């Protein structure tokens, strides 16, 4: 019987707070490239495939 209540508690946690946590993580990851000071690193990553092996 204790397993069933533990399952119900985990299910309730996932239904309520799990969605909020996933939305928060998604928002942070989606906004990460737009943070101040990230322009240079983003441009380096975007043009990395065009650099030769001998370029610095």
PDB file of N, CA and C in Angstrom:
ATOM      1  N   UNK A   1       0.818  -1.188   0.000  1.00  0.00           N
ATOM      2  CA  UNK A   1       0.000   0.000   0.000  1.00  0.00           C
ATOM      3  C   UNK A   1       0.866   1.257   0.000  1.00  0.00           C
ATOM      4  N   UNK A   2       2.020   1.206   0.630  1.00  0.00           N
ATOM      5  CA  UNK A   2       2.881   2.384   0.656  1.00  0.00           C
ATOM      6  C   UNK A   2       3.448   2.689  -0.734  1.00  0.00           C
ATOM      7  N   UNK A   3       3.646   1.645  -1.559  1.00  0.00           N
ATOM      8  CA  UNK A   3       4.127   1.883  -2.923  1.00  0.00           C
ATOM      9  C   UNK A   3       3.103   2.671  -3.732  1.00  0.00           C
ATOM     10  N   UNK A   4       1.854   2.377  -3.534  1.00  0.00           N
ATOM     11  CA  UNK A   4       0.803   3.066  -4.274  1.00  0.00           C
ATOM     12  C   UNK A   4       0.746   4.541  -3.887  1.00  0.00           C
ATOM     13  N   UNK A   5       0.873   4.855  -2.622  1.00  0.00           N
ATOM     14  CA  UNK A   5       0.840   6.250  -2.207  1.00  0.00           C
ATOM     15  C   UNK A   5       2.099   6.991  -2.659  1.00  0.00           C
ATOM     16  N   UNK A   6       3.231   6.295  -2.677  1.00  0.00           N
ATOM     17  CA  UNK A   6       4.464   6.904  -3.183  1.00  0.00           C
ATOM     18  C   UNK A   6       4.315   7.225  -4.667  1.00  0.00           C
ATOM     19  N   UNK A   7       3.729   6.295  -5.417  1.00  0.00           N
ATOM     20  CA  UNK A   7       3.464   6.531  -6.837  1.00  0.00           C
ATOM     21  C   UNK A   7       2.528   7.725  -7.019  1.00  0.00           C
ATOM     22  N   UNK A   8       1.474   7.788  -6.225  1.00  0.00           N
ATOM     23  CA  UNK A   8       0.537   8.912  -6.321  1.00  0.00           C
ATOM     24  C   UNK A   8       1.230  10.236  -6.010  1.00  0.00           C
ATOM     25  N   UNK A   9       2.121  10.239  -5.038  1.00  0.00           N
ATOM     26  CA  UNK A   9       2.845  11.462  -4.686  1.00  0.00           C
ATOM     27  C   UNK A   9       3.761  11.894  -5.834  1.00  0.00           C
ATOM     28  N   UNK A  10       4.471  10.950  -6.434  1.00  0.00           N
ATOM     29  CA  UNK A  10       5.338  11.282  -7.568  1.00  0.00           C
ATOM     30  C   UNK A  10       4.529  11.758  -8.762  1.00  0.00           C
ATOM     31  N   UNK A  11       3.399  11.134  -8.982  1.00  0.00           N
ATOM     32  CA  UNK A  11       2.547  11.531 -10.097  1.00  0.00           C
ATOM     33  C   UNK A  11       2.013  12.946  -9.888  1.00  0.00           C
ATOM     34  N   UNK A  12       1.602  13.255  -8.684  1.00  0.00           N
ATOM     35  CA  UNK A  12       1.106  14.595  -8.373  1.00  0.00           C
ATOM     36  C   UNK A  12       2.223  15.626  -8.548  1.00  0.00           C
ATOM     37  N   UNK A  13       3.427  15.299  -8.107  1.00  0.00           N
ATOM     38  CA  UNK A  13       4.573  16.193  -8.262  1.00  0.00           C
ATOM     39  C   UNK A  13       4.862  16.439  -9.735  1.00  0.00           C
ATOM     40  N   UNK A  14       4.846  15.393 -10.534  1.00  0.00           N
ATOM     41  CA  UNK A  14       5.113  15.536 -11.959  1.00  0.00           C
ATOM     42  C   UNK A  14       4.017  16.332 -12.653  1.00  0.00           C
ATOM     43  N   UNK A  15       2.782  16.140 -12.244  1.00  0.00           N
ATOM     44  CA  UNK A  15       1.672  16.861 -12.868  1.00  0.00           C
ATOM     45  C   UNK A  15       1.682  18.341 -12.526  1.00  0.00           C
ATOM     46  N   UNK A  16       2.117  18.693 -11.344  1.00  0.00           N
ATOM     47  CA  UNK A  16       2.053  20.092 -10.938  1.00  0.00           C
ATOM     48  C   UNK A  16       3.386  20.800 -11.147  1.00  0.00           C
ATOM     49  N   UNK A  17       4.415  20.403 -10.449  1.00  0.00           N
ATOM     50  CA  UNK A  17       5.687  21.111 -10.489  1.00  0.00           C
ATOM     51  C   UNK A  17       6.547  20.702 -11.676  1.00  0.00           C
ATOM     52  N   UNK A  18       6.372  19.493 -12.180  1.00  0.00           N
ATOM     53  CA  UNK A  18       7.181  19.030 -13.307  1.00  0.00           C
ATOM     54  C   UNK A  18       6.998  19.901 -14.536  1.00  0.00           C
ATOM     55  N   UNK A  19       5.771  20.280 -14.814  1.00  0.00           N
ATOM     56  CA  UNK A  19       5.500  21.132 -15.966  1.00  0.00           C
ATOM     57  C   UNK A  19       6.134  22.504 -15.789  1.00  0.00           C
ATOM     58  N   UNK A  20       6.050  23.051 -14.599  1.00  0.00           N
ATOM     59  CA  UNK A  20       6.657  24.362 -14.340  1.00  0.00           C
ATOM     60  C   UNK A  20       8.175  24.307 -14.467  1.00  0.00           C
ATOM     61  N   UNK A  21       8.775  23.244 -13.963  1.00  0.00           N
ATOM     62  CA  UNK A  21      10.234  23.097 -14.064  1.00  0.00           C
ATOM     63  C   UNK A  21      10.653  22.956 -15.515  1.00  0.00           C
ATOM     64  N   UNK A  22       9.924  22.149 -16.290  1.00  0.00           N
ATOM     65  CA  UNK A  22      10.264  21.988 -17.707  1.00  0.00           C
ATOM     66  C   UNK A  22      10.095  23.295 -18.472  1.00  0.00           C
ATOM     67  N   UNK A  23       9.068  24.079 -18.149  1.00  0.00           N
ATOM     68  CA  UNK A  23       8.885  25.379 -18.807  1.00  0.00           C
ATOM     69  C   UNK A  23      10.022  26.335 -18.449  1.00  0.00           C
ATOM     70  N   UNK A  24      10.461  26.322 -17.193  1.00  0.00           N
ATOM     71  CA  UNK A  24      11.567  27.171 -16.766  1.00  0.00           C
ATOM     72  C   UNK A  24      12.860  26.788 -17.482  1.00  0.00           C
ATOM     73  N   UNK A  25      13.160  25.486 -17.536  1.00  0.00           N
ATOM     74  CA  UNK A  25      14.375  25.023 -18.214  1.00  0.00           C
ATOM     75  C   UNK A  25      14.327  25.372 -19.695  1.00  0.00           C
ATOM     76  N   UNK A  26      13.189  25.189 -20.333  1.00  0.00           N
ATOM     77  CA  UNK A  26      13.054  25.544 -21.739  1.00  0.00           C
ATOM     78  C   UNK A  26      13.278  27.039 -21.951  1.00  0.00           C
ATOM     79  N   UNK A  27      12.698  27.862 -21.089  1.00  0.00           N
ATOM     80  CA  UNK A  27      12.848  29.311 -21.225  1.00  0.00           C
ATOM     81  C   UNK A  27      14.307  29.739 -21.075  1.00  0.00           C
ATOM     82  N   UNK A  28      14.997  29.161 -20.106  1.00  0.00           N
ATOM     83  CA  UNK A  28      16.413  29.504 -19.901  1.00  0.00           C
ATOM     84  C   UNK A  28      17.243  29.074 -21.105  1.00  0.00           C
ATOM     85  N   UNK A  29      17.025  27.864 -21.596  1.00  0.00           N
ATOM     86  CA  UNK A  29      17.808  27.385 -22.737  1.00  0.00           C
ATOM     87  C   UNK A  29      17.490  28.149 -24.013  1.00  0.00           C
ATOM     88  N   UNK A  30      16.248  28.556 -24.195  1.00  0.00           N
ATOM     89  CA  UNK A  30      15.877  29.321 -25.389  1.00  0.00           C
ATOM     90  C   UNK A  30      16.438  30.737 -25.340  1.00  0.00           C
ATOM     91  N   UNK A  31      16.563  31.319 -24.147  1.00  0.00           N
ATOM     92  CA  UNK A  31      17.065  32.685 -24.016  1.00  0.00           C
ATOM     93  C   UNK A  31      18.582  32.744 -23.914  1.00  0.00           C
ATOM     94  N   UNK A  32      19.249  31.629 -23.657  1.00  0.00           N
ATOM     95  CA  UNK A  32      20.695  31.608 -23.430  1.00  0.00           C
ATOM     96  C   UNK A  32      21.500  32.244 -24.563  1.00  0.00           C
ATOM     97  N   UNK A  33      21.226  31.984 -25.840  1.00  0.00           N
ATOM     98  CA  UNK A  33      22.027  32.597 -26.906  1.00  0.00           C
ATOM     99  C   UNK A  33      21.838  34.107 -27.012  1.00  0.00           C
ATOM    100  N   UNK A  34      20.795  34.649 -26.435  1.00  0.00           N
ATOM    101  CA  UNK A  34      20.498  36.075 -26.557  1.00  0.00           C
ATOM    102  C   UNK A  34      20.985  36.892 -25.364  1.00  0.00           C
ATOM    103  N   UNK A  35      21.744  36.266 -24.473  1.00  0.00           N
ATOM    104  CA  UNK A  35      22.242  36.991 -23.310  1.00  0.00           C
ATOM    105  C   UNK A  35      23.301  38.007 -23.737  1.00  0.00           C
ATOM    106  N   UNK A  36      23.491  39.056 -22.952  1.00  0.00           N
ATOM    107  CA  UNK A  36      24.495  40.066 -23.285  1.00  0.00           C
ATOM    108  C   UNK A  36      25.901  39.454 -23.305  1.00  0.00           C
ATOM    109  N   UNK A  37      26.685  39.816 -24.300  1.00  0.00           N
ATOM    110  CA  UNK A  37      28.056  39.334 -24.386  1.00  0.00           C
ATOM    111  C   UNK A  37      28.215  38.013 -25.109  1.00  0.00           C
ATOM    112  N   UNK A  38      27.155  37.451 -25.639  1.00  0.00           N
ATOM    113  CA  UNK A  38      27.242  36.147 -26.292  1.00  0.00           C
ATOM    114  C   UNK A  38      27.407  36.260 -27.805  1.00  0.00           C
ATOM    115  N   UNK A  39      27.374  37.466 -28.333  1.00  0.00           N
ATOM    116  CA  UNK A  39      27.402  37.642 -29.786  1.00  0.00           C
ATOM    117  C   UNK A  39      28.668  37.049 -30.413  1.00  0.00           C
ATOM    118  N   UNK A  40      29.821  37.313 -29.814  1.00  0.00           N
ATOM    119  CA  UNK A  40      31.087  36.841 -30.406  1.00  0.00           C
ATOM    120  C   UNK A  40      31.146  35.316 -30.435  1.00  0.00           C
ATOM    121  N   UNK A  41      30.761  34.681 -29.341  1.00  0.00           N
ATOM    122  CA  UNK A  41      30.777  33.210 -29.298  1.00  0.00           C
ATOM    123  C   UNK A  41      29.764  32.624 -30.271  1.00  0.00           C
ATOM    124  N   UNK A  42      28.611  33.255 -30.417  1.00  0.00           N
ATOM    125  CA  UNK A  42      27.605  32.767 -31.359  1.00  0.00           C
ATOM    126  C   UNK A  42      28.096  32.891 -32.791  1.00  0.00           C
ATOM    127  N   UNK A  43      28.758  34.012 -33.115  1.00  0.00           N
ATOM    128  CA  UNK A  43      29.288  34.186 -34.472  1.00  0.00           C
ATOM    129  C   UNK A  43      30.406  33.196 -34.746  1.00  0.00           C
ATOM    130  N   UNK A  44      31.273  32.936 -33.765  1.00  0.00           N
ATOM    131  CA  UNK A  44      32.330  31.931 -33.939  1.00  0.00           C
ATOM    132  C   UNK A  44      31.735  30.552 -34.189  1.00  0.00           C
ATOM    133  N   UNK A  45      30.708  30.203 -33.449  1.00  0.00           N
ATOM    134  CA  UNK A  45      30.075  28.894 -33.628  1.00  0.00           C
ATOM    135  C   UNK A  45      29.378  28.801 -34.982  1.00  0.00           C
ATOM    136  N   UNK A  46      28.788  29.897 -35.433  1.00  0.00           N
ATOM    137  CA  UNK A  46      28.060  29.882 -36.702  1.00  0.00           C
ATOM    138  C   UNK A  46      28.995  29.774 -37.897  1.00  0.00           C
ATOM    139  N   UNK A  47      30.205  30.326 -37.789  1.00  0.00           N
ATOM    140  CA  UNK A  47      31.132  30.330 -38.930  1.00  0.00           C
ATOM    141  C   UNK A  47      32.230  29.289 -38.784  1.00  0.00           C
ATOM    142  N   UNK A  48      32.166  28.462 -37.781  1.00  0.00           N
ATOM    143  CA  UNK A  48      33.216  27.471 -37.529  1.00  0.00           C
ATOM    144  C   UNK A  48      33.391  26.500 -38.695  1.00  0.00           C
ATOM    145  N   UNK A  49      32.329  26.126 -39.380  1.00  0.00           N
ATOM    146  CA  UNK A  49      32.441  25.138 -40.443  1.00  0.00           C
ATOM    147  C   UNK A  49      33.128  25.702 -41.681  1.00  0.00           C
ATOM    148  N   UNK A  50      33.263  27.020 -41.769  1.00  0.00           N
ATOM    149  CA  UNK A  50      33.888  27.621 -42.923  1.00  0.00           C
ATOM    150  C   UNK A  50      35.387  27.853 -42.744  1.00  0.00           C
ATOM    151  N   UNK A  51      35.916  27.614 -41.565  1.00  0.00           N
ATOM    152  CA  UNK A  51      37.329  27.816 -41.300  1.00  0.00           C
ATOM    153  C   UNK A  51      38.125  26.601 -41.745  1.00  0.00           C
ATOM    154  N   UNK A  52      39.322  26.861 -42.278  1.00  0.00           N
ATOM    155  CA  UNK A  52      40.224  25.775 -42.644  1.00  0.00           C
ATOM    156  C   UNK A  52      40.872  25.209 -41.385  1.00  0.00           C
ATOM    157  N   UNK A  53      41.458  24.023 -41.531  1.00  0.00           N
ATOM    158  CA  UNK A  53      42.120  23.411 -40.399  1.00  0.00           C
ATOM    159  C   UNK A  53      43.343  24.236 -39.970  1.00  0.00           C
ATOM    160  N   UNK A  54      43.961  24.953 -40.900  1.00  0.00           N
ATOM    161  CA  UNK A  54      45.178  25.717 -40.594  1.00  0.00           C
ATOM    162  C   UNK A  54      44.881  27.097 -40.042  1.00  0.00           C
ATOM    163  N   UNK A  55      43.634  27.541 -40.111  1.00  0.00           N
ATOM    164  CA  UNK A  55      43.295  28.858 -39.568  1.00  0.00           C
ATOM    165  C   UNK A  55      43.307  28.794 -38.048  1.00  0.00           C
ATOM    166  N   UNK A  56      43.616  29.931 -37.430  1.00  0.00           N
ATOM    167  CA  UNK A  56      43.690  29.998 -35.971  1.00  0.00           C
ATOM    168  C   UNK A  56      42.373  30.324 -35.396  1.00  0.00           C
TER     169      UNK A  56
END
